[in-house]
Amino acid sequence: MSRLLGLAFWIGVIDAIIFKLFEALVNNGSNWIWNDVFHSDTTRWLVVPLAVVLSIALSRLMQTSKTPRWVKPETDLFAQQPEKKRTTLGGIGLILLNGGASLLAGASLGPEMALTDSSKAIGKFAAEQGKAGQAGAVLVAASIGALMVAFLGSLLMVTLPLLLVYKQAKKLTLESVLPIVLAAVSAYATLWVMDPQTKGYGSIPAAPHVDLQDYIAAAVVALCASIFAFCLVQLIKHLSDWTQHINQKWPWYASAGLFGLVLGIIYLVGGQSVQFSGSAGSSMLLHNAHDYGTWAFLGLAVVKLLATGWSKTTGYRGGLFFPSIYAGLALSLFVGSLDSPLAGAGALVGAIAGIFAAVSDSGIVAFLMIVAILPYKLIGVAVVAIAAALAGNKLLNKLPTVMHRNKSVNA
């Protein structure tokens, strides 16, 4: 047991350090390449050739590391992907390298996918090196939890790996709970030592007050957000077959160039705020909200979803959750502009929580992630939003079946 706890402690420390280094590299590196060196923030047309060149460079990097550019898009952040071969430090580094290079190349995706995959590999590597045996699954879960605690800056996320272990083993024991909790605490403590002011990847500011109107707005906007998220998932499904064909049939440099060209055009049309993961873009959108008209907000949400769907299906590595924050923010601003009584904290929480719930298709995961970045007074609003989004998502997912049945009847 002491060996297991020792491994869990160091897993938490390593995950927190990797998170901070990865975050600094992606945020500072993207700004340096795109803005400081090539000044695409002021000379906007440069985003198109820059996206093309960086996409080709990304493909070349993946070729060098013997990694396929196109992979089947995975939307489930915590999907279990059993790997029979032993994990190596080089393999962990490759996950981070491809993820970081994708984000630096301009992917409209979040860093959470690369970090989560690396945390799984770190837990597996620790289990193999420490000869943990059957307890290896606990270390993998502990590593996921440690990463999510660091990522969102909240110890609440320790609940997630506990749920993952319970779902797999149908029970929780002291031997499974203690390593997970210790890894989470050591990650949080390491994060605090490195940066006492950190709040993880981001948070939503507190609202001055919450009333019935906010709950109504949350439900209405969450239903709208579920439609957007459903469209994103369907877009990924339909685009993936086409982009896979291009990747297989075209010369690698031609397919990579096309992938970057389309992304660059989307960025040129949508403006600087739609670029990349959405973290900086969300702040930019809020700060400049007065410069946009009502329908411009809807347009930005659509463009962001297009950029995210295209990035996900063209071999850029990254996740869907944090770009969804930008799309949710734009959607909430759109609804608020249409009907001012719906503007405010309820609409914002409804949009973000709604997209989280619809993308993950899990109320528990969405609840944990949204609560981790929310002030506590908005938790009730988040619950209403998630319930509305899941209801909307369930109805939307029935549409293909209903349409197929009607088509069969008419035939």
Foldseek 3Di string as FASTA:
>chain_A
DVLLLVLLLVLLLVLLVVQVVLVCCLVVLLCCVCPVPVNCQPVVLVLQVLLLVLLLVLCVVCVVVVHALFDQFDAALPDDDDDDDQFDPVNLVVLSVLQSSLLSSWAQFASSNSSLVSLLSSLRNSCVVSVVPPCSLLSSLLSNQSNLCQQQVHNLSLVVSVVVVCVVVVDDDPSSSSSSSSSNVSNNVSNCVVPVPDRHLAFDDAFPDDDPLLLVLLLVLLLVLLVLLVVLVVLLVVVQVVLVVCCVPPPNSVSSSVLSNVLSVLCSVLDDLLIGHNSVSQVVCVVCVVVDALVNLVVNLNSSSVSNSSSSNRRRDHHDLRSQLNSQSSSLSNVCNVPVSSHDDSSSLLNNLSSLCSSNVDLVVSLSSNVSRYDPNCSVSSNSSNVSSNVSSVVVVCVVVVVVVVVVVVD
